[in-house]
Amino acid sequence: MLNHQNQEPVSPKRVVLIGGASFIGSAVAQQLEGKTTVLSLGRANVDLTADGAANKLAGFLKADDAVVAISAQAPCRNVDDFLVNAEIIKTLTKALEQQPVAHLVNISSDAVYPDEPVPLSEAVPAAPTSMHGAMHLAREIALRGLSIPMATLRPTLVYGDSDPHNGYGPNQFRRKANKNEPITLFGEGEERRDHVLVDDVAELVVRVLFSGSTGVLNAATGTVTTFKEVAEKAVTLSGQTVEINGSPRKGPMPHNGYRPFDPVETTQAFPDFSYTTLDDGMKQAQTTEFGNG
């Protein structure tokens, strides 16, 4: 759960986005435009895996900054990816030790949670079953060790226009449908997952920044949808006649085919916030990215 340090929203003097050119970082930068000063840092400014990166990163920071830590090599699929991320974690931690800031928001992942047959809440202890989840938990633990007020946001599957990963799900299906290309599902696309619009994640980050919040918050809508249904929505939005095909699975169904969340903590933290429905979010992404819908 979150605890707000500010009774009323207060604009940070400056927000530093570490990974500001990323999918989520770009959305946060857009929502902060006109609200406060933003310093967006990417690899061109500082390579977080390079020698001396911690000192270089610390040089960009000021004591009254609010920092959003987004940079990671994701997805983290294997030991090599994990070790790259370990270097990033080391750089972030050492830089913030050298130059502490006023507030830190860490972008983590729902992958830190175990697989459960009931909706996941922030009260569920972290117990990752993947390298990606282990990496994010290691990052959370390392950053929690700093003497800096910190909030951790744990998004589930994020979609929206301009996604650079073209991940399996709304982003990939929408693009394939618009190109009139067949959509191939894993199995029959029967697994049920929660999908959250990147703009909603960005809005929550901004709210956390302005509230000076500390603690943990999931970014998940509380609604699960099968991947087949997502594909069908993408085809409908495209206006094309597109084949949707199943395929043999090469391994077990991820998360046992069911990954639900309980969004009650979001409502308690921000009573006037509501998640965008998948239908509305996909339509918004379609309109923004392709100019139709």
C-alpha atoms as a PDB file:
ATOM      1  CA  MET A   1       0.000   0.000   0.000  1.00  0.00           C
ATOM      2  CA  LEU A   2       0.969   3.645  -0.372  1.00  0.00           C
ATOM      3  CA  ASN A   3       1.426   6.344   2.244  1.00  0.00           C
ATOM      4  CA  HIS A   4       1.254   9.928   1.016  1.00  0.00           C
ATOM      5  CA  GLN A   5       3.756  12.374   2.500  1.00  0.00           C
ATOM      6  CA  ASN A   6       1.821  15.313   1.002  1.00  0.00           C
ATOM      7  CA  GLN A   7      -1.720  16.058   2.186  1.00  0.00           C
ATOM      8  CA  GLU A   8      -2.339  17.872  -1.115  1.00  0.00           C
ATOM      9  CA  PRO A   9      -0.477  17.347  -4.427  1.00  0.00           C
ATOM     10  CA  VAL A  10       2.823  19.238  -4.527  1.00  0.00           C
ATOM     11  CA  SER A  11       4.881  19.625  -7.690  1.00  0.00           C
ATOM     12  CA  PRO A  12       8.452  18.356  -7.295  1.00  0.00           C
ATOM     13  CA  LYS A  13      11.066  21.008  -8.064  1.00  0.00           C
ATOM     14  CA  ARG A  14      12.460  18.725 -10.733  1.00  0.00           C
ATOM     15  CA  VAL A  15      11.792  15.172 -11.889  1.00  0.00           C
ATOM     16  CA  VAL A  16      14.684  13.141 -13.253  1.00  0.00           C
ATOM     17  CA  LEU A  17      13.643  10.245 -15.468  1.00  0.00           C
ATOM     18  CA  ILE A  18      16.362   7.590 -15.611  1.00  0.00           C
ATOM     19  CA  GLY A  19      15.270   5.802 -18.754  1.00  0.00           C
ATOM     20  CA  GLY A  20      13.184   8.700 -19.989  1.00  0.00           C
ATOM     21  CA  ALA A  21      13.162   7.535 -23.622  1.00  0.00           C
ATOM     22  CA  SER A  22      11.655   4.164 -22.731  1.00  0.00           C
ATOM     23  CA  PHE A  23       8.028   3.184 -23.367  1.00  0.00           C
ATOM     24  CA  ILE A  24       6.905   4.081 -19.843  1.00  0.00           C
ATOM     25  CA  GLY A  25       9.434   6.899 -19.471  1.00  0.00           C
ATOM     26  CA  SER A  26       8.174   8.686 -22.578  1.00  0.00           C
ATOM     27  CA  ALA A  27       4.590   8.457 -21.326  1.00  0.00           C
ATOM     28  CA  VAL A  28       5.592   9.864 -17.927  1.00  0.00           C
ATOM     29  CA  ALA A  29       7.516  12.711 -19.583  1.00  0.00           C
ATOM     30  CA  GLN A  30       4.482  13.566 -21.686  1.00  0.00           C
ATOM     31  CA  GLN A  31       2.198  13.721 -18.639  1.00  0.00           C
ATOM     32  CA  LEU A  32       4.687  15.870 -16.708  1.00  0.00           C
ATOM     33  CA  GLU A  33       4.945  18.408 -19.522  1.00  0.00           C
ATOM     34  CA  GLY A  34       3.966  21.844 -18.265  1.00  0.00           C
ATOM     35  CA  LYS A  35       3.700  20.646 -14.650  1.00  0.00           C
ATOM     36  CA  THR A  36       7.326  20.717 -13.521  1.00  0.00           C
ATOM     37  CA  THR A  37      10.899  20.705 -14.806  1.00  0.00           C
ATOM     38  CA  VAL A  38      11.919  17.342 -16.260  1.00  0.00           C
ATOM     39  CA  LEU A  39      15.391  15.976 -16.928  1.00  0.00           C
ATOM     40  CA  SER A  40      15.164  12.902 -19.146  1.00  0.00           C
ATOM     41  CA  LEU A  41      18.272  10.722 -19.105  1.00  0.00           C
ATOM     42  CA  GLY A  42      19.001   7.917 -21.547  1.00  0.00           C
ATOM     43  CA  ARG A  43      21.969   5.886 -22.691  1.00  0.00           C
ATOM     44  CA  ALA A  44      23.246   8.844 -24.707  1.00  0.00           C
ATOM     45  CA  ASN A  45      23.620  10.728 -21.412  1.00  0.00           C
ATOM     46  CA  VAL A  46      24.972   7.899 -19.301  1.00  0.00           C
ATOM     47  CA  ASP A  47      25.449   4.178 -20.004  1.00  0.00           C
ATOM     48  CA  LEU A  48      24.487   2.597 -16.698  1.00  0.00           C
ATOM     49  CA  THR A  49      26.650  -0.467 -17.405  1.00  0.00           C
ATOM     50  CA  ALA A  50      29.864   1.467 -18.191  1.00  0.00           C
ATOM     51  CA  ASP A  51      32.815   2.022 -15.888  1.00  0.00           C
ATOM     52  CA  GLY A  52      32.353   5.187 -13.861  1.00  0.00           C
ATOM     53  CA  ALA A  53      28.614   5.303 -14.594  1.00  0.00           C
ATOM     54  CA  ALA A  54      27.633   5.820 -10.951  1.00  0.00           C
ATOM     55  CA  ASN A  55      29.767   8.939 -10.616  1.00  0.00           C
ATOM     56  CA  LYS A  56      28.491  10.270 -13.922  1.00  0.00           C
ATOM     57  CA  LEU A  57      24.848   9.647 -12.992  1.00  0.00           C
ATOM     58  CA  ALA A  58      25.327  11.237  -9.557  1.00  0.00           C
ATOM     59  CA  GLY A  59      26.600  14.352 -11.319  1.00  0.00           C
ATOM     60  CA  PHE A  60      23.178  14.857 -12.921  1.00  0.00           C
ATOM     61  CA  LEU A  61      21.301  14.648  -9.600  1.00  0.00           C
ATOM     62  CA  LYS A  62      20.373  17.276  -6.995  1.00  0.00           C
ATOM     63  CA  ALA A  63      19.261  16.846  -3.401  1.00  0.00           C
ATOM     64  CA  ASP A  64      15.744  18.203  -4.050  1.00  0.00           C
ATOM     65  CA  ASP A  65      15.098  16.048  -7.137  1.00  0.00           C
ATOM     66  CA  ALA A  66      12.396  13.421  -7.459  1.00  0.00           C
ATOM     67  CA  VAL A  67      13.795  10.487  -9.439  1.00  0.00           C
ATOM     68  CA  VAL A  68      11.896   7.892 -11.454  1.00  0.00           C
ATOM     69  CA  ALA A  69      14.072   4.812 -12.041  1.00  0.00           C
ATOM     70  CA  ILE A  70      12.903   3.041 -15.184  1.00  0.00           C
ATOM     71  CA  SER A  71      16.083   1.834 -16.918  1.00  0.00           C
ATOM     72  CA  ALA A  72      16.434  -1.935 -17.170  1.00  0.00           C
ATOM     73  CA  GLN A  73      17.279  -4.565 -19.745  1.00  0.00           C
ATOM     74  CA  ALA A  74      13.863  -6.082 -20.203  1.00  0.00           C
ATOM     75  CA  PRO A  75      12.625  -8.648 -20.475  1.00  0.00           C
ATOM     76  CA  CYS A  76      15.254 -10.383 -18.366  1.00  0.00           C
ATOM     77  CA  ARG A  77      15.223 -13.897 -19.812  1.00  0.00           C
ATOM     78  CA  ASN A  78      18.487 -15.513 -18.710  1.00  0.00           C
ATOM     79  CA  VAL A  79      21.569 -15.216 -16.525  1.00  0.00           C
ATOM     80  CA  ASP A  80      23.348 -12.912 -18.980  1.00  0.00           C
ATOM     81  CA  ASP A  81      20.393 -10.493 -18.919  1.00  0.00           C
ATOM     82  CA  PHE A  82      20.327 -10.723 -15.132  1.00  0.00           C
ATOM     83  CA  LEU A  83      23.998  -9.794 -14.873  1.00  0.00           C
ATOM     84  CA  VAL A  84      23.512  -6.769 -17.135  1.00  0.00           C
ATOM     85  CA  ASN A  85      20.674  -5.662 -14.895  1.00  0.00           C
ATOM     86  CA  ALA A  86      22.833  -6.261 -11.830  1.00  0.00           C
ATOM     87  CA  GLU A  87      25.247  -3.665 -13.210  1.00  0.00           C
ATOM     88  CA  ILE A  88      22.372  -1.242 -13.730  1.00  0.00           C
ATOM     89  CA  ILE A  89      21.155  -1.849 -10.167  1.00  0.00           C
ATOM     90  CA  LYS A  90      24.687  -1.290  -8.860  1.00  0.00           C
ATOM     91  CA  THR A  91      24.985   1.990 -10.759  1.00  0.00           C
ATOM     92  CA  LEU A  92      21.592   3.273  -9.595  1.00  0.00           C
ATOM     93  CA  THR A  93      22.304   2.382  -5.979  1.00  0.00           C
ATOM     94  CA  LYS A  94      25.803   3.853  -5.852  1.00  0.00           C
ATOM     95  CA  ALA A  95      24.750   7.047  -7.621  1.00  0.00           C
ATOM     96  CA  LEU A  96      21.893   7.591  -5.183  1.00  0.00           C
ATOM     97  CA  GLU A  97      24.169   6.826  -2.243  1.00  0.00           C
ATOM     98  CA  GLN A  98      26.602   9.437  -3.519  1.00  0.00           C
ATOM     99  CA  GLN A  99      23.859  11.998  -4.209  1.00  0.00           C
ATOM    100  CA  PRO A 100      20.666  11.269  -2.252  1.00  0.00           C
ATOM    101  CA  VAL A 101      17.459  12.810  -3.591  1.00  0.00           C
ATOM    102  CA  ALA A 102      14.153  13.901  -2.079  1.00  0.00           C
ATOM    103  CA  HIS A 103      11.994  11.110  -3.507  1.00  0.00           C
ATOM    104  CA  LEU A 104      12.462   7.937  -5.547  1.00  0.00           C
ATOM    105  CA  VAL A 105       9.906   6.071  -7.638  1.00  0.00           C
ATOM    106  CA  ASN A 106      11.065   2.653  -8.842  1.00  0.00           C
ATOM    107  CA  ILE A 107       9.308   1.002 -11.786  1.00  0.00           C
ATOM    108  CA  SER A 108       9.238  -2.707 -11.005  1.00  0.00           C
ATOM    109  CA  SER A 109       6.995  -5.508 -12.319  1.00  0.00           C
ATOM    110  CA  ASP A 110       4.196  -7.806 -11.220  1.00  0.00           C
ATOM    111  CA  ALA A 111       6.636 -10.629 -12.029  1.00  0.00           C
ATOM    112  CA  VAL A 112       7.887 -10.387  -8.428  1.00  0.00           C
ATOM    113  CA  TYR A 113       4.696 -12.179  -7.317  1.00  0.00           C
ATOM    114  CA  PRO A 114       4.156 -15.944  -7.282  1.00  0.00           C
ATOM    115  CA  ASP A 115       1.412 -17.632  -9.271  1.00  0.00           C
ATOM    116  CA  GLU A 116      -1.814 -17.686  -7.273  1.00  0.00           C
ATOM    117  CA  PRO A 117      -5.344 -18.866  -8.170  1.00  0.00           C
ATOM    118  CA  VAL A 118      -6.844 -15.758  -6.536  1.00  0.00           C
ATOM    119  CA  PRO A 119      -6.452 -12.036  -7.325  1.00  0.00           C
ATOM    120  CA  LEU A 120      -3.031 -10.715  -6.309  1.00  0.00           C
ATOM    121  CA  SER A 121      -2.751  -7.720  -4.001  1.00  0.00           C
ATOM    122  CA  GLU A 122       0.173  -5.743  -2.656  1.00  0.00           C
ATOM    123  CA  ALA A 123      -0.057  -7.834   0.547  1.00  0.00           C
ATOM    124  CA  VAL A 124       1.073 -10.992  -1.278  1.00  0.00           C
ATOM    125  CA  PRO A 125       4.750 -11.654  -0.422  1.00  0.00           C
ATOM    126  CA  ALA A 126       7.140 -11.432  -3.356  1.00  0.00           C
ATOM    127  CA  ALA A 127       8.228 -14.867  -4.556  1.00  0.00           C
ATOM    128  CA  PRO A 128       9.268 -14.636  -8.216  1.00  0.00           C
ATOM    129  CA  THR A 129       9.389 -17.735 -10.407  1.00  0.00           C
ATOM    130  CA  SER A 130      11.264 -16.180 -13.349  1.00  0.00           C
ATOM    131  CA  MET A 131      14.587 -14.452 -13.998  1.00  0.00           C
ATOM    132  CA  HIS A 132      12.646 -11.302 -14.849  1.00  0.00           C
ATOM    133  CA  GLY A 133      10.865 -11.351 -11.495  1.00  0.00           C
ATOM    134  CA  ALA A 134      14.069 -12.177  -9.616  1.00  0.00           C
ATOM    135  CA  MET A 135      15.811  -9.232 -11.260  1.00  0.00           C
ATOM    136  CA  HIS A 136      13.071  -6.799 -10.287  1.00  0.00           C
ATOM    137  CA  LEU A 137      12.950  -8.094  -6.720  1.00  0.00           C
ATOM    138  CA  ALA A 138      16.739  -7.724  -6.424  1.00  0.00           C
ATOM    139  CA  ARG A 139      16.369  -4.153  -7.696  1.00  0.00           C
ATOM    140  CA  GLU A 140      13.618  -3.387  -5.161  1.00  0.00           C
ATOM    141  CA  ILE A 141      15.687  -4.771  -2.290  1.00  0.00           C
ATOM    142  CA  ALA A 142      18.797  -2.833  -3.306  1.00  0.00           C
ATOM    143  CA  LEU A 143      16.944   0.478  -3.665  1.00  0.00           C
ATOM    144  CA  ARG A 144      15.001  -0.048  -0.428  1.00  0.00           C
ATOM    145  CA  GLY A 145      18.351  -0.054   1.351  1.00  0.00           C
ATOM    146  CA  LEU A 146      18.830   3.633   0.530  1.00  0.00           C
ATOM    147  CA  SER A 147      17.850   6.338   2.997  1.00  0.00           C
ATOM    148  CA  ILE A 148      15.457   7.880   0.471  1.00  0.00           C
ATOM    149  CA  PRO A 149      11.626   7.970   0.629  1.00  0.00           C
ATOM    150  CA  MET A 150      10.656   5.458  -2.071  1.00  0.00           C
ATOM    151  CA  ALA A 151       7.585   4.160  -3.848  1.00  0.00           C
ATOM    152  CA  THR A 152       7.599   1.043  -6.012  1.00  0.00           C
ATOM    153  CA  LEU A 153       5.116   0.636  -8.849  1.00  0.00           C
ATOM    154  CA  ARG A 154       4.520  -2.904 -10.112  1.00  0.00           C
ATOM    155  CA  PRO A 155       2.764  -2.841 -13.503  1.00  0.00           C
ATOM    156  CA  THR A 156       1.336  -5.928 -15.136  1.00  0.00           C
ATOM    157  CA  LEU A 157       1.348  -6.297 -18.956  1.00  0.00           C
ATOM    158  CA  VAL A 158       1.610  -2.772 -20.381  1.00  0.00           C
ATOM    159  CA  TYR A 159       0.250  -1.840 -23.806  1.00  0.00           C
ATOM    160  CA  GLY A 160      -0.254   1.314 -25.852  1.00  0.00           C
ATOM    161  CA  ASP A 161       0.898   3.074 -28.976  1.00  0.00           C
ATOM    162  CA  SER A 162       4.638   3.461 -29.640  1.00  0.00           C
ATOM    163  CA  ASP A 163       5.567   0.317 -27.698  1.00  0.00           C
ATOM    164  CA  PRO A 164       9.084  -0.567 -28.941  1.00  0.00           C
ATOM    165  CA  HIS A 165       8.899  -4.209 -27.837  1.00  0.00           C
ATOM    166  CA  ASN A 166       5.886  -5.191 -29.956  1.00  0.00           C
ATOM    167  CA  GLY A 167       5.027  -7.673 -27.231  1.00  0.00           C
ATOM    168  CA  TYR A 168       2.637 -10.589 -27.653  1.00  0.00           C
ATOM    169  CA  GLY A 169      -0.815  -9.256 -26.890  1.00  0.00           C
ATOM    170  CA  PRO A 170      -2.578  -5.960 -27.683  1.00  0.00           C
ATOM    171  CA  ASN A 171       0.481  -4.241 -29.206  1.00  0.00           C
ATOM    172  CA  GLN A 172       1.506  -7.037 -31.555  1.00  0.00           C
ATOM    173  CA  PHE A 173      -2.031  -8.096 -32.438  1.00  0.00           C
ATOM    174  CA  ARG A 174      -3.081  -4.522 -33.288  1.00  0.00           C
ATOM    175  CA  ARG A 175      -0.124  -4.065 -35.627  1.00  0.00           C
ATOM    176  CA  LYS A 176      -0.578  -7.405 -37.339  1.00  0.00           C
ATOM    177  CA  ALA A 177      -4.279  -6.788 -37.869  1.00  0.00           C
ATOM    178  CA  ASN A 178      -3.630  -3.370 -39.412  1.00  0.00           C
ATOM    179  CA  LYS A 179      -1.170  -4.954 -41.845  1.00  0.00           C
ATOM    180  CA  ASN A 180      -3.710  -7.679 -42.623  1.00  0.00           C
ATOM    181  CA  GLU A 181      -1.266 -10.294 -41.317  1.00  0.00           C
ATOM    182  CA  PRO A 182      -2.455 -13.498 -39.600  1.00  0.00           C
ATOM    183  CA  ILE A 183      -2.313 -13.498 -35.805  1.00  0.00           C
ATOM    184  CA  THR A 184      -0.819 -16.636 -34.301  1.00  0.00           C
ATOM    185  CA  LEU A 185      -1.736 -17.458 -30.722  1.00  0.00           C
ATOM    186  CA  PHE A 186       0.146 -19.582 -28.218  1.00  0.00           C
ATOM    187  CA  GLY A 187      -2.112 -22.604 -27.872  1.00  0.00           C
ATOM    188  CA  GLU A 188      -5.607 -21.297 -28.436  1.00  0.00           C
ATOM    189  CA  GLY A 189      -4.928 -18.053 -26.620  1.00  0.00           C
ATOM    190  CA  GLU A 190      -6.965 -19.250 -23.677  1.00  0.00           C
ATOM    191  CA  GLU A 191      -4.825 -17.835 -20.851  1.00  0.00           C
ATOM    192  CA  ARG A 192      -6.372 -14.889 -19.033  1.00  0.00           C
ATOM    193  CA  ARG A 193      -4.230 -11.841 -18.281  1.00  0.00           C
ATOM    194  CA  ASP A 194      -4.628  -8.272 -17.088  1.00  0.00           C
ATOM    195  CA  HIS A 195      -3.511  -5.538 -19.514  1.00  0.00           C
ATOM    196  CA  VAL A 196      -2.868  -1.951 -18.367  1.00  0.00           C
ATOM    197  CA  LEU A 197      -2.622   1.081 -20.665  1.00  0.00           C
ATOM    198  CA  VAL A 198       0.757   2.850 -20.551  1.00  0.00           C
ATOM    199  CA  ASP A 199      -0.993   6.200 -20.043  1.00  0.00           C
ATOM    200  CA  ASP A 200      -2.585   4.826 -16.855  1.00  0.00           C
ATOM    201  CA  VAL A 201       0.811   3.688 -15.576  1.00  0.00           C
ATOM    202  CA  ALA A 202       2.235   7.137 -16.343  1.00  0.00           C
ATOM    203  CA  GLU A 203      -0.640   8.879 -14.578  1.00  0.00           C
ATOM    204  CA  LEU A 204      -0.074   6.757 -11.481  1.00  0.00           C
ATOM    205  CA  VAL A 205       3.630   7.637 -11.533  1.00  0.00           C
ATOM    206  CA  VAL A 206       2.772  11.344 -11.695  1.00  0.00           C
ATOM    207  CA  ARG A 207       0.243  11.010  -8.871  1.00  0.00           C
ATOM    208  CA  VAL A 208       2.823   9.196  -6.733  1.00  0.00           C
ATOM    209  CA  LEU A 209       5.378  11.933  -7.445  1.00  0.00           C
ATOM    210  CA  PHE A 210       3.015  14.770  -6.549  1.00  0.00           C
ATOM    211  CA  SER A 211       1.772  12.950  -3.426  1.00  0.00           C
ATOM    212  CA  GLY A 212       5.312  12.151  -2.272  1.00  0.00           C
ATOM    213  CA  SER A 213       4.093   8.590  -1.804  1.00  0.00           C
ATOM    214  CA  THR A 214       6.033   5.732  -0.250  1.00  0.00           C
ATOM    215  CA  GLY A 215       5.285   2.006  -0.304  1.00  0.00           C
ATOM    216  CA  VAL A 216       4.145  -0.384  -3.025  1.00  0.00           C
ATOM    217  CA  LEU A 217       1.351  -0.135  -5.585  1.00  0.00           C
ATOM    218  CA  ASN A 218       0.343  -2.526  -8.338  1.00  0.00           C
ATOM    219  CA  ALA A 219      -0.672  -1.081 -11.699  1.00  0.00           C
ATOM    220  CA  ALA A 220      -3.331  -3.546 -12.850  1.00  0.00           C
ATOM    221  CA  THR A 221      -6.964  -3.048 -13.799  1.00  0.00           C
ATOM    222  CA  GLY A 222      -8.497  -6.022 -12.006  1.00  0.00           C
ATOM    223  CA  THR A 223      -9.970  -7.389 -15.253  1.00  0.00           C
ATOM    224  CA  VAL A 224      -8.578 -10.427 -17.076  1.00  0.00           C
ATOM    225  CA  THR A 225      -9.093 -11.157 -20.779  1.00  0.00           C
ATOM    226  CA  THR A 226      -8.033 -14.126 -22.892  1.00  0.00           C
ATOM    227  CA  PHE A 227      -5.451 -13.500 -25.594  1.00  0.00           C
ATOM    228  CA  LYS A 228      -7.922 -14.823 -28.138  1.00  0.00           C
ATOM    229  CA  GLU A 229     -10.392 -12.139 -27.093  1.00  0.00           C
ATOM    230  CA  VAL A 230      -7.630  -9.535 -27.363  1.00  0.00           C
ATOM    231  CA  ALA A 231      -6.853 -10.724 -30.895  1.00  0.00           C
ATOM    232  CA  GLU A 232     -10.519 -10.517 -31.829  1.00  0.00           C
ATOM    233  CA  LYS A 233     -10.689  -6.949 -30.501  1.00  0.00           C
ATOM    234  CA  ALA A 234      -7.624  -6.020 -32.590  1.00  0.00           C
ATOM    235  CA  VAL A 235      -9.172  -7.455 -35.739  1.00  0.00           C
ATOM    236  CA  THR A 236     -12.448  -5.609 -35.146  1.00  0.00           C
ATOM    237  CA  LEU A 237     -10.599  -2.307 -34.662  1.00  0.00           C
ATOM    238  CA  SER A 238      -8.569  -2.800 -37.844  1.00  0.00           C
ATOM    239  CA  GLY A 239     -11.634  -3.273 -40.046  1.00  0.00           C
ATOM    240  CA  GLN A 240      -9.698  -6.019 -41.847  1.00  0.00           C
ATOM    241  CA  THR A 241     -10.481  -9.686 -42.370  1.00  0.00           C
ATOM    242  CA  VAL A 242      -7.596 -11.288 -40.494  1.00  0.00           C
ATOM    243  CA  GLU A 243      -7.022 -14.934 -39.619  1.00  0.00           C
ATOM    244  CA  ILE A 244      -6.539 -15.833 -35.957  1.00  0.00           C
ATOM    245  CA  ASN A 245      -4.772 -19.169 -35.628  1.00  0.00           C
ATOM    246  CA  GLY A 246      -3.802 -21.334 -32.698  1.00  0.00           C
ATOM    247  CA  SER A 247      -0.476 -23.155 -32.451  1.00  0.00           C
ATOM    248  CA  PRO A 248       0.982 -26.013 -30.416  1.00  0.00           C
ATOM    249  CA  ARG A 249       2.476 -24.884 -27.127  1.00  0.00           C
ATOM    250  CA  LYS A 250       6.191 -25.452 -26.592  1.00  0.00           C
ATOM    251  CA  GLY A 251       5.983 -25.367 -22.813  1.00  0.00           C
ATOM    252  CA  PRO A 252       3.573 -24.952 -19.927  1.00  0.00           C
ATOM    253  CA  MET A 253       1.033 -22.167 -19.991  1.00  0.00           C
ATOM    254  CA  PRO A 254       2.539 -19.066 -18.291  1.00  0.00           C
ATOM    255  CA  HIS A 255       1.167 -18.409 -14.796  1.00  0.00           C
ATOM    256  CA  ASN A 256      -1.026 -21.489 -15.116  1.00  0.00           C
ATOM    257  CA  GLY A 257      -3.174 -19.528 -17.550  1.00  0.00           C
ATOM    258  CA  TYR A 258      -4.583 -17.098 -14.973  1.00  0.00           C
ATOM    259  CA  ARG A 259      -3.037 -13.891 -13.552  1.00  0.00           C
ATOM    260  CA  PRO A 260      -5.684 -11.758 -11.801  1.00  0.00           C
ATOM    261  CA  PHE A 261      -5.189  -8.680  -9.592  1.00  0.00           C
ATOM    262  CA  ASP A 262      -7.146  -6.874  -6.914  1.00  0.00           C
ATOM    263  CA  PRO A 263      -6.983  -3.106  -7.652  1.00  0.00           C
ATOM    264  CA  VAL A 264      -8.484  -1.979  -4.335  1.00  0.00           C
ATOM    265  CA  GLU A 265      -5.225  -0.345  -3.178  1.00  0.00           C
ATOM    266  CA  THR A 266      -5.221   1.915  -6.246  1.00  0.00           C
ATOM    267  CA  THR A 267      -8.721   3.087  -5.395  1.00  0.00           C
ATOM    268  CA  GLN A 268      -7.787   3.692  -1.770  1.00  0.00           C
ATOM    269  CA  ALA A 269      -4.633   5.609  -2.722  1.00  0.00           C
ATOM    270  CA  PHE A 270      -6.293   7.667  -5.467  1.00  0.00           C
ATOM    271  CA  PRO A 271     -10.104   7.538  -5.151  1.00  0.00           C
ATOM    272  CA  ASP A 272     -10.683   9.696  -8.248  1.00  0.00           C
ATOM    273  CA  PHE A 273      -8.514   7.519 -10.510  1.00  0.00           C
ATOM    274  CA  SER A 274     -10.001   4.835 -12.748  1.00  0.00           C
ATOM    275  CA  TYR A 275      -8.249   2.431 -15.092  1.00  0.00           C
ATOM    276  CA  THR A 276      -8.968   2.596 -18.812  1.00  0.00           C
ATOM    277  CA  THR A 277     -10.884  -0.420 -20.064  1.00  0.00           C
ATOM    278  CA  LEU A 278      -9.123  -2.678 -22.564  1.00  0.00           C
ATOM    279  CA  ASP A 279     -11.674  -1.789 -25.250  1.00  0.00           C
ATOM    280  CA  ASP A 280     -11.120   1.944 -24.767  1.00  0.00           C
ATOM    281  CA  GLY A 281      -7.357   1.597 -24.402  1.00  0.00           C
ATOM    282  CA  MET A 282      -6.952  -0.428 -27.577  1.00  0.00           C
ATOM    283  CA  LYS A 283      -9.152   2.011 -29.455  1.00  0.00           C
ATOM    284  CA  GLN A 284      -7.081   4.933 -28.143  1.00  0.00           C
ATOM    285  CA  ALA A 285      -3.817   3.245 -29.158  1.00  0.00           C
ATOM    286  CA  GLN A 286      -5.260   2.390 -32.560  1.00  0.00           C
ATOM    287  CA  THR A 287      -6.322   5.986 -33.182  1.00  0.00           C
ATOM    288  CA  THR A 288      -3.023   7.463 -31.985  1.00  0.00           C
ATOM    289  CA  GLU A 289      -0.707   5.046 -33.790  1.00  0.00           C
ATOM    290  CA  PHE A 290      -2.636   4.460 -37.005  1.00  0.00           C
ATOM    291  CA  GLY A 291      -4.970   7.437 -37.250  1.00  0.00           C
ATOM    292  CA  ASN A 292      -8.094   5.331 -37.556  1.00  0.00           C
ATOM    293  CA  GLY A 293     -10.531   3.669 -35.262  1.00  0.00           C
END
